[in-house]
Structure formats: C-alpha cells, structure tokens
Amino acid sequence: MPENNIPAAYMSKQVGFLLLPRFSMLSLMSALEPLRVANRFAGDLYHWQFIGASNSIEDGAIQASNGIPVSVDDMANINKLDRLFVCASYDPQAALDQGLINWLKHRAREGTHIGSLETGCYALAAAGLMDKHTIAMHWESQAAFNETYPNLNLCNGIFNDDNKRFSCAGGSSSMDLVLHQVSQDQDDELADRIASSLIHERHQDAEAGQRSLLLHTPQQQALRPVIEAMADNIETPLEGADLAAIQNVSERTLQRQFKQAFGMPPRTWYLQIRLQRARQLLHESNLSVMQAGIACGFGSNENFCRQYKQMFGHPPSRDRRLDYAIGYAGSDRLGSDLWV
C-alpha cells in the first residue's frame, strides 16, 4: 500500500533487467531499490522482472560476479517492455550472439526505453543501438570499449539518458540514473523522497564527472586539471613542464602539491595511471602485451614489462585476457584509488 496519496503521473511501467553472466549485483540492486521504494511511497508504479539470454541460463538462473545465482525468465518468453536495463560487468561480450542481438533490436523497434548498467553497453553497441547516443560507462572499462567501438561517443558522466537510450557507470550511479528516471516518470518530489529513504545523496547532474568524485580533499580537487590532462594523454605522456603549465605553477611547486595531496610526485602518479590503463586493456580488449604498452606510452616493451611487474607483482602476460577471479571474492571491479 502507498504511504501517501501522491498520484501516479503515468500508468504502471513494465521494467526488465536483462542479466548477462557475471553482472554486477551492486549495480542491479542500486537500480532496483529505488523502484521498490517508489511503489512503497506512491502505489503500483513499477513492475519488474529478471531476464536471461537463452544461451546463458543455467538451472533457470544467471550467476552474478559475486557467485550468487538470480532466477530469470528466458528472453524468448518476454512480452513488451516499457524500459529495459542490460546489466553486465566482467567479460560482457562472452554471452553475445545473434539471437541476443536480434532480441535487443526487436525491443528497440517496439519503442522500449533501452539502456545499460556498467558494461551492458557492449551488447547495445553490438546491436547498433548506440550509434547516435552518448554513452556513460565505468571509467575502468572506457579504454577497452573505445578500442572496440572507436566511433561511439563516450562521456565521463555518471549517467546519461536522452529518453531513447540510457547508460551509467554502474555501482551507486545506477541509483542516480533510476532516481532521474523516476523524476521524469513522476516528479522530483518523489525522487527526492526515495533518495532520502535510501540515505543516498542524489547526484541529479548527469554530467557529474566520475573523476571528480574520486578526488576527495580540497588539495586533490585543486589538482583536477592536471589529473584530467594526464588521463587524456596516456599514449603520448606530457612532460613535467607541460603539467606544471596547466596548473600555472613551477615544476617544483607542482611536485610539492602532489606530495601533499597524494603522497607521491606527479611523475609517479602518472606512471601508475598509465599502468592501470594497460592492465584494463589487457583484461578487456584484444590488444597484445606490446600493443597495450604502446597504447599507454611505453616505447620499450622491456621497460613496460619491468614497470608492470614492479607495480603488480607479475608480468603483463599473466593478465592477458585473464578471467579475473577476484570478482568472486568480493570485489565487483578491478579498482584502485587511481583512475584512468
């Protein structure tokens, strides 16, 4: 029963969550809970169902990256949907086949509001459904996605929704995306009440950058222009003088600022984000070890391998398309405090 008399602006919406194997449970729950609370506050606004691709269902379920199976309905048995979330995380292309691609295209022709959580946009891109739309996705996956789909438009926002296609970076940003959709379906008052109930500080601005959310202190925020310049110049790294010029300070002052903000000089920070980018490319693209090193600004393969081993404790060849088991051990992303 609703807890007040807030009128529903529209008829109930039928929402589907297409779960690809090793999807992120955090992203799914962050998207689902606002719908549950919306119904609690305002009545029968949303109905949802979990859906699996026919070639991926095992014993009636799809397994999340944390190893928990979620019961699903076969996509072949799904009728018309108002909104569809494609939920993925690790190895999002493994489950893609022509049957799934055709099913997504059919949903689009029906006028379904289709989008993705985290790396679910791989499926939409393979179906040609993102060609004229801006894509928000997790910062760790952007480099590999751009290698596969260089002509698609990625942004650094936490989510994007143009009323035909939507996407988000995953994790807690899934909640911001759905709260935005609730505000569009109903009104801002209901979305704000849901956010308050879930003790969530709502990010209403879709352009809120993932990078800025990872800079926690005033000293770190002050270095944001340099940090962004580093992240945007991985293949051809900038010199120390160029970085200092961005901040309009001397190289010595920039070194002091970085040590105060991050506990390391800018050169070390820059090296680490380049190595993190290389690691992501090895996990999520078809690039060879040498190609990944070149893409991350290492002119020498020997130097790349040495620096990589020093940072991660093993050579880059070990991470080449590794089926990364940490996803079953409690972490939904590769992750680090650095971002690229």
Protein backbone atom coordinates (compact mmCIF):
# COMPACT_ATOMS: atom_id res chain seq x y z
CA MET A 1 0.00 0.00 0.00
CA PRO A 2 1.25 3.52 -0.75
CA GLU A 3 2.25 5.62 2.24
CA ASN A 4 0.61 8.80 0.92
CA ASN A 5 -1.66 9.98 -1.87
CA ILE A 6 0.96 11.05 -4.40
CA PRO A 7 -0.79 10.49 -7.75
CA ALA A 8 0.95 8.40 -10.38
CA ALA A 9 1.67 10.61 -13.39
CA TYR A 10 1.63 7.63 -15.75
CA MET A 11 0.38 4.08 -15.88
CA SER A 12 2.50 1.39 -14.30
CA LYS A 13 5.71 0.70 -16.21
CA GLN A 14 6.94 -2.79 -17.01
CA VAL A 15 10.70 -2.85 -16.41
CA GLY A 16 13.04 -5.63 -17.47
CA PHE A 17 16.56 -6.35 -16.24
CA LEU A 18 18.49 -8.42 -18.77
CA LEU A 19 21.27 -10.07 -16.77
CA LEU A 20 24.43 -11.09 -18.60
CA PRO A 21 26.69 -13.65 -16.86
CA ARG A 22 28.92 -12.13 -14.14
CA PHE A 23 26.80 -8.98 -13.96
CA SER A 24 27.36 -6.62 -11.03
CA MET A 25 24.98 -7.31 -8.14
CA LEU A 26 25.72 -3.85 -6.71
CA SER A 27 24.64 -2.16 -9.94
CA LEU A 28 21.48 -4.27 -10.16
CA MET A 29 20.40 -3.62 -6.57
CA SER A 30 21.21 0.09 -6.86
CA ALA A 31 18.84 0.29 -9.82
CA LEU A 32 16.14 -1.94 -8.35
CA GLU A 33 15.74 -0.50 -4.85
CA PRO A 34 14.51 2.96 -5.96
CA LEU A 35 11.71 1.22 -7.89
CA ARG A 36 10.71 -0.76 -4.81
CA VAL A 37 10.64 2.35 -2.64
CA ALA A 38 8.71 4.26 -5.32
CA ASN A 39 5.97 1.61 -5.13
CA ARG A 40 6.00 1.80 -1.34
CA PHE A 41 5.51 5.54 -1.39
CA ALA A 42 3.22 6.06 -4.37
CA GLY A 43 1.48 2.83 -5.32
CA ASP A 44 1.77 0.41 -8.20
CA LEU A 45 4.17 2.40 -10.38
CA TYR A 46 6.68 -0.22 -11.47
CA HIS A 47 6.65 -3.95 -12.20
CA TRP A 48 9.95 -5.66 -12.91
CA GLN A 49 11.31 -8.99 -13.99
CA PHE A 50 14.76 -10.51 -14.37
CA ILE A 51 15.57 -11.82 -17.85
CA GLY A 52 18.30 -14.11 -19.14
CA ALA A 53 19.64 -14.72 -22.63
CA SER A 54 18.65 -18.20 -23.80
CA ASN A 55 22.27 -19.31 -24.25
CA SER A 56 23.34 -18.18 -20.77
CA ILE A 57 20.70 -19.57 -18.41
CA GLU A 58 21.84 -22.43 -16.18
CA ASP A 59 19.26 -24.14 -13.97
CA GLY A 60 16.89 -21.23 -14.54
CA ALA A 61 19.36 -18.62 -13.28
CA ILE A 62 22.18 -16.24 -14.22
CA GLN A 63 25.16 -16.01 -11.87
CA ALA A 64 26.38 -12.60 -10.72
CA SER A 65 30.06 -11.70 -10.39
CA ASN A 66 29.84 -12.44 -6.66
CA GLY A 67 28.70 -16.00 -7.40
CA ILE A 68 25.05 -15.52 -6.39
CA PRO A 69 22.56 -17.01 -8.90
CA VAL A 70 19.48 -14.95 -9.76
CA SER A 71 16.39 -16.67 -11.19
CA VAL A 72 15.42 -15.32 -14.59
CA ASP A 73 12.81 -15.69 -17.31
CA ASP A 74 14.06 -16.70 -20.74
CA MET A 75 14.14 -13.70 -23.09
CA ALA A 76 12.18 -15.74 -25.65
CA ASN A 77 9.15 -15.59 -23.33
CA ILE A 78 9.20 -11.83 -22.68
CA ASN A 79 6.42 -9.61 -23.93
CA LYS A 80 6.53 -5.86 -24.49
CA LEU A 81 8.59 -3.83 -22.01
CA ASP A 82 8.46 -0.12 -21.26
CA ARG A 83 12.07 0.03 -20.07
CA LEU A 84 14.96 -2.41 -20.32
CA PHE A 85 18.23 -2.42 -18.39
CA VAL A 86 21.08 -4.52 -19.82
CA CYS A 87 23.19 -5.44 -16.79
CA ALA A 88 26.79 -6.59 -17.19
CA SER A 89 30.22 -6.26 -15.63
CA TYR A 90 33.01 -8.77 -16.41
CA ASP A 91 33.58 -10.09 -19.93
CA PRO A 92 30.39 -8.52 -21.31
CA GLN A 93 30.94 -9.82 -24.85
CA ALA A 94 31.10 -13.51 -23.89
CA ALA A 95 27.32 -14.02 -23.94
CA LEU A 96 26.66 -12.02 -27.12
CA ASP A 97 25.25 -13.97 -30.04
CA GLN A 98 22.97 -13.16 -32.94
CA GLY A 99 19.90 -14.28 -31.03
CA LEU A 100 20.52 -11.78 -28.24
CA ILE A 101 21.39 -9.01 -30.68
CA ASN A 102 18.20 -9.63 -32.68
CA TRP A 103 16.15 -9.66 -29.46
CA LEU A 104 17.54 -6.25 -28.46
CA LYS A 105 16.84 -4.84 -31.90
CA HIS A 106 13.26 -6.10 -31.67
CA ARG A 107 12.81 -4.40 -28.30
CA ALA A 108 14.10 -1.15 -29.83
CA ARG A 109 11.68 -1.40 -32.75
CA GLU A 110 8.86 -1.75 -30.24
CA GLY A 111 9.86 1.60 -28.73
CA THR A 112 11.30 0.25 -25.49
CA HIS A 113 13.36 2.72 -23.48
CA ILE A 114 16.61 0.73 -23.55
CA GLY A 115 19.85 1.26 -21.68
CA SER A 116 22.69 -0.30 -19.77
CA LEU A 117 24.36 -0.56 -16.42
CA GLU A 118 28.17 -0.52 -16.41
CA THR A 119 29.41 -2.65 -19.38
CA GLY A 120 25.95 -3.60 -20.64
CA CYS A 121 26.52 -1.03 -23.38
CA TYR A 122 28.68 -3.62 -25.19
CA ALA A 123 25.50 -5.53 -26.04
CA LEU A 124 23.70 -2.37 -27.16
CA ALA A 125 26.68 -1.29 -29.26
CA ALA A 126 26.87 -4.72 -30.91
CA ALA A 127 23.20 -4.35 -31.81
CA GLY A 128 23.85 -0.92 -33.34
CA LEU A 129 21.58 0.76 -30.82
CA MET A 130 24.06 3.37 -29.52
CA ASP A 131 25.28 4.86 -32.79
CA LYS A 132 23.73 8.29 -32.23
CA HIS A 133 23.75 8.35 -28.45
CA THR A 134 26.26 9.38 -25.79
CA ILE A 135 27.45 6.55 -23.55
CA ALA A 136 28.34 6.73 -19.86
CA MET A 137 30.24 3.75 -18.52
CA HIS A 138 32.63 2.85 -15.72
CA TRP A 139 35.95 4.64 -16.04
CA GLU A 140 37.86 1.36 -15.78
CA SER A 141 36.18 0.00 -18.92
CA GLN A 142 36.26 3.04 -21.18
CA ALA A 143 39.66 2.43 -22.76
CA ALA A 144 38.87 -1.13 -23.84
CA PHE A 145 35.40 -0.13 -25.07
CA ASN A 146 36.92 2.66 -27.13
CA GLU A 147 39.32 0.17 -28.73
CA THR A 148 36.34 -1.98 -29.78
CA TYR A 149 33.95 0.84 -30.75
CA PRO A 150 36.16 3.86 -31.59
CA ASN A 151 33.35 5.71 -33.40
CA LEU A 152 30.90 5.75 -30.48
CA ASN A 153 30.68 8.75 -28.19
CA LEU A 154 31.80 8.13 -24.59
CA CYS A 155 31.41 10.68 -21.81
CA ASN A 156 32.80 10.86 -18.29
CA GLY A 157 29.40 11.47 -16.70
CA ILE A 158 27.99 9.07 -14.13
CA PHE A 159 24.89 8.51 -16.27
CA ASN A 160 23.20 9.67 -19.46
CA ASP A 161 19.56 9.43 -20.56
CA ASP A 162 18.19 11.05 -23.72
CA ASN A 163 14.73 9.41 -23.37
CA LYS A 164 15.54 6.78 -26.01
CA ARG A 165 18.79 5.29 -24.71
CA PHE A 166 20.39 5.48 -21.31
CA SER A 167 23.62 4.28 -19.74
CA CYS A 168 25.50 4.65 -16.50
CA ALA A 169 28.83 3.88 -14.88
CA GLY A 170 27.33 1.24 -12.58
CA GLY A 171 27.60 0.88 -8.82
CA SER A 172 25.86 3.67 -6.93
CA SER A 173 25.46 5.69 -10.14
CA SER A 174 22.76 3.17 -11.10
CA MET A 175 20.71 4.65 -8.27
CA ASP A 176 21.23 8.17 -9.59
CA LEU A 177 20.12 7.06 -13.05
CA VAL A 178 16.92 5.45 -11.78
CA LEU A 179 16.14 8.39 -9.48
CA HIS A 180 16.46 10.62 -12.55
CA GLN A 181 14.04 8.33 -14.41
CA VAL A 182 11.57 8.38 -11.50
CA SER A 183 11.70 12.19 -11.54
CA GLN A 184 10.93 12.10 -15.28
CA ASP A 185 8.19 9.48 -14.93
CA GLN A 186 6.62 11.10 -11.87
CA ASP A 187 8.21 14.18 -10.27
CA ASP A 188 11.26 15.44 -8.38
CA GLU A 189 9.46 15.29 -5.04
CA LEU A 190 9.05 11.53 -5.23
CA ALA A 191 12.64 11.03 -6.42
CA ASP A 192 13.95 13.13 -3.53
CA ARG A 193 11.85 11.19 -1.02
CA ILE A 194 13.22 7.90 -2.35
CA ALA A 195 16.81 9.17 -2.13
CA SER A 196 16.21 10.29 1.45
CA SER A 197 14.70 6.92 2.38
CA LEU A 198 17.74 5.13 0.94
CA ILE A 199 20.12 7.59 2.68
CA HIS A 200 21.58 8.47 -0.69
CA GLU A 201 22.95 11.85 -1.68
CA ARG A 202 21.39 12.24 -5.09
CA HIS A 203 23.56 13.39 -8.00
CA GLN A 204 21.00 14.96 -10.31
CA ASP A 205 23.57 16.26 -12.78
CA ALA A 206 24.22 13.57 -15.37
CA GLU A 207 27.44 15.36 -16.29
CA ALA A 208 28.90 14.96 -12.81
CA GLY A 209 32.29 13.52 -13.70
CA GLN A 210 33.40 10.18 -12.32
CA ARG A 211 36.90 11.58 -11.99
CA SER A 212 35.88 14.50 -9.79
CA LEU A 213 34.00 12.14 -7.47
CA LEU A 214 37.29 10.33 -6.79
CA LEU A 215 39.11 13.47 -5.66
CA HIS A 216 38.23 13.74 -2.01
CA THR A 217 40.20 16.59 -0.42
CA PRO A 218 40.45 20.28 -1.40
CA GLN A 219 44.14 19.71 -2.29
CA GLN A 220 43.19 16.87 -4.63
CA GLN A 221 40.33 18.83 -6.19
CA ALA A 222 42.68 21.73 -6.86
CA LEU A 223 44.83 19.41 -8.99
CA ARG A 224 41.91 18.21 -11.09
CA PRO A 225 43.02 19.99 -14.33
CA VAL A 226 46.40 18.25 -14.19
CA ILE A 227 44.84 14.90 -13.28
CA GLU A 228 42.44 15.14 -16.23
CA ALA A 229 45.27 16.13 -18.58
CA MET A 230 47.20 13.04 -17.50
CA ALA A 231 44.19 10.78 -18.08
CA ASP A 232 43.60 12.32 -21.51
CA ASN A 233 47.24 11.89 -22.58
CA ILE A 234 48.11 8.27 -21.89
CA GLU A 235 49.53 7.17 -25.24
CA THR A 236 51.76 10.25 -25.51
CA PRO A 237 52.53 11.32 -21.93
CA LEU A 238 53.02 15.01 -21.18
CA GLU A 239 56.30 16.34 -19.84
CA GLY A 240 56.60 17.73 -16.32
CA ALA A 241 56.83 21.30 -17.65
CA ASP A 242 53.59 20.84 -19.60
CA LEU A 243 51.79 19.60 -16.49
CA ALA A 244 53.10 22.49 -14.42
CA ALA A 245 51.96 24.96 -17.08
CA ILE A 246 48.41 23.58 -16.85
CA GLN A 247 48.43 24.42 -13.14
CA ASN A 248 50.27 27.69 -13.82
CA VAL A 249 52.99 26.84 -11.31
CA SER A 250 56.63 25.76 -11.43
CA GLU A 251 57.55 22.09 -11.67
CA ARG A 252 58.91 22.19 -8.13
CA THR A 253 55.64 23.65 -6.81
CA LEU A 254 53.62 21.02 -8.67
CA GLN A 255 55.75 18.29 -7.11
CA ARG A 256 55.09 19.72 -3.65
CA GLN A 257 51.34 19.96 -4.33
CA PHE A 258 51.16 16.34 -5.48
CA LYS A 259 53.09 15.07 -2.48
CA GLN A 260 50.76 16.96 -0.15
CA ALA A 261 47.63 15.74 -1.95
CA PHE A 262 48.56 12.17 -2.89
CA GLY A 263 51.78 11.33 -1.08
CA MET A 264 53.74 10.94 -4.33
CA PRO A 265 55.24 13.15 -7.04
CA PRO A 266 53.26 13.72 -10.27
CA ARG A 267 55.63 11.52 -12.27
CA THR A 268 54.82 8.50 -10.07
CA TRP A 269 51.07 9.20 -10.20
CA TYR A 270 51.24 9.49 -13.99
CA LEU A 271 53.17 6.22 -14.31
CA GLN A 272 50.67 4.39 -12.13
CA ILE A 273 47.59 5.52 -14.06
CA ARG A 274 49.30 4.50 -17.31
CA LEU A 275 49.99 1.05 -15.88
CA GLN A 276 46.40 0.81 -14.60
CA ARG A 277 45.18 1.66 -18.10
CA ALA A 278 47.43 -1.04 -19.57
CA ARG A 279 46.05 -3.58 -17.13
CA GLN A 280 42.48 -2.73 -18.13
CA LEU A 281 43.35 -3.08 -21.81
CA LEU A 282 44.88 -6.50 -21.18
CA HIS A 283 41.77 -7.66 -19.33
CA GLU A 284 39.09 -6.18 -21.55
CA SER A 285 40.46 -5.85 -25.09
CA ASN A 286 42.20 -7.99 -27.69
CA LEU A 287 45.42 -5.98 -27.63
CA SER A 288 48.68 -7.88 -27.22
CA VAL A 289 51.07 -7.09 -24.39
CA MET A 290 53.22 -5.00 -26.72
CA GLN A 291 50.21 -3.15 -28.16
CA ALA A 292 48.89 -2.37 -24.67
CA GLY A 293 52.28 -0.98 -23.68
CA ILE A 294 52.44 1.23 -26.75
CA ALA A 295 48.87 2.43 -26.19
CA CYS A 296 49.91 3.52 -22.69
CA GLY A 297 53.01 5.45 -23.69
CA PHE A 298 55.75 2.86 -23.24
CA GLY A 299 58.16 2.96 -26.17
CA SER A 300 60.08 -0.06 -24.92
CA ASN A 301 58.37 -3.38 -24.30
CA GLU A 302 61.16 -4.32 -21.89
CA ASN A 303 60.59 -1.17 -19.84
CA PHE A 304 56.82 -1.71 -19.89
CA CYS A 305 57.13 -5.28 -18.60
CA ARG A 306 59.60 -4.25 -15.91
CA GLN A 307 57.43 -1.36 -14.65
CA TYR A 308 54.30 -3.51 -14.82
CA LYS A 309 55.85 -6.30 -12.75
CA GLN A 310 57.17 -3.81 -10.23
CA MET A 311 53.67 -2.38 -9.70
CA PHE A 312 51.51 -5.53 -9.86
CA GLY A 313 53.96 -8.24 -8.83
CA HIS A 314 53.69 -10.25 -12.06
CA PRO A 315 54.38 -9.70 -15.78
CA PRO A 316 51.66 -8.30 -18.07
CA SER A 317 51.41 -11.63 -19.93
CA ARG A 318 49.68 -13.09 -16.87
CA ASP A 319 46.87 -10.53 -17.17
CA ARG A 320 46.34 -11.04 -20.90
CA ARG A 321 42.58 -11.83 -21.10
CA LEU A 322 42.74 -13.30 -17.60
CA ASP A 323 39.39 -14.50 -16.27
CA TYR A 324 39.77 -12.35 -13.21
CA ALA A 325 38.65 -14.43 -10.22
CA ILE A 326 38.62 -11.55 -7.77
CA GLY A 327 35.07 -10.88 -8.93
CA TYR A 328 34.00 -13.95 -6.97
CA ALA A 329 35.95 -12.91 -3.91
CA GLY A 330 34.00 -9.82 -3.03
CA SER A 331 35.04 -7.06 -5.44
CA ASP A 332 32.88 -6.02 -8.38
CA ARG A 333 35.65 -4.14 -10.20
CA LEU A 334 39.40 -4.37 -10.60
CA GLY A 335 39.68 -1.00 -8.98
CA SER A 336 42.29 1.17 -7.34
CA ASP A 337 42.39 4.63 -5.83
CA LEU A 338 43.74 5.92 -9.13
CA TRP A 339 41.53 6.48 -12.11
CA VAL A 340 42.26 6.50 -15.81
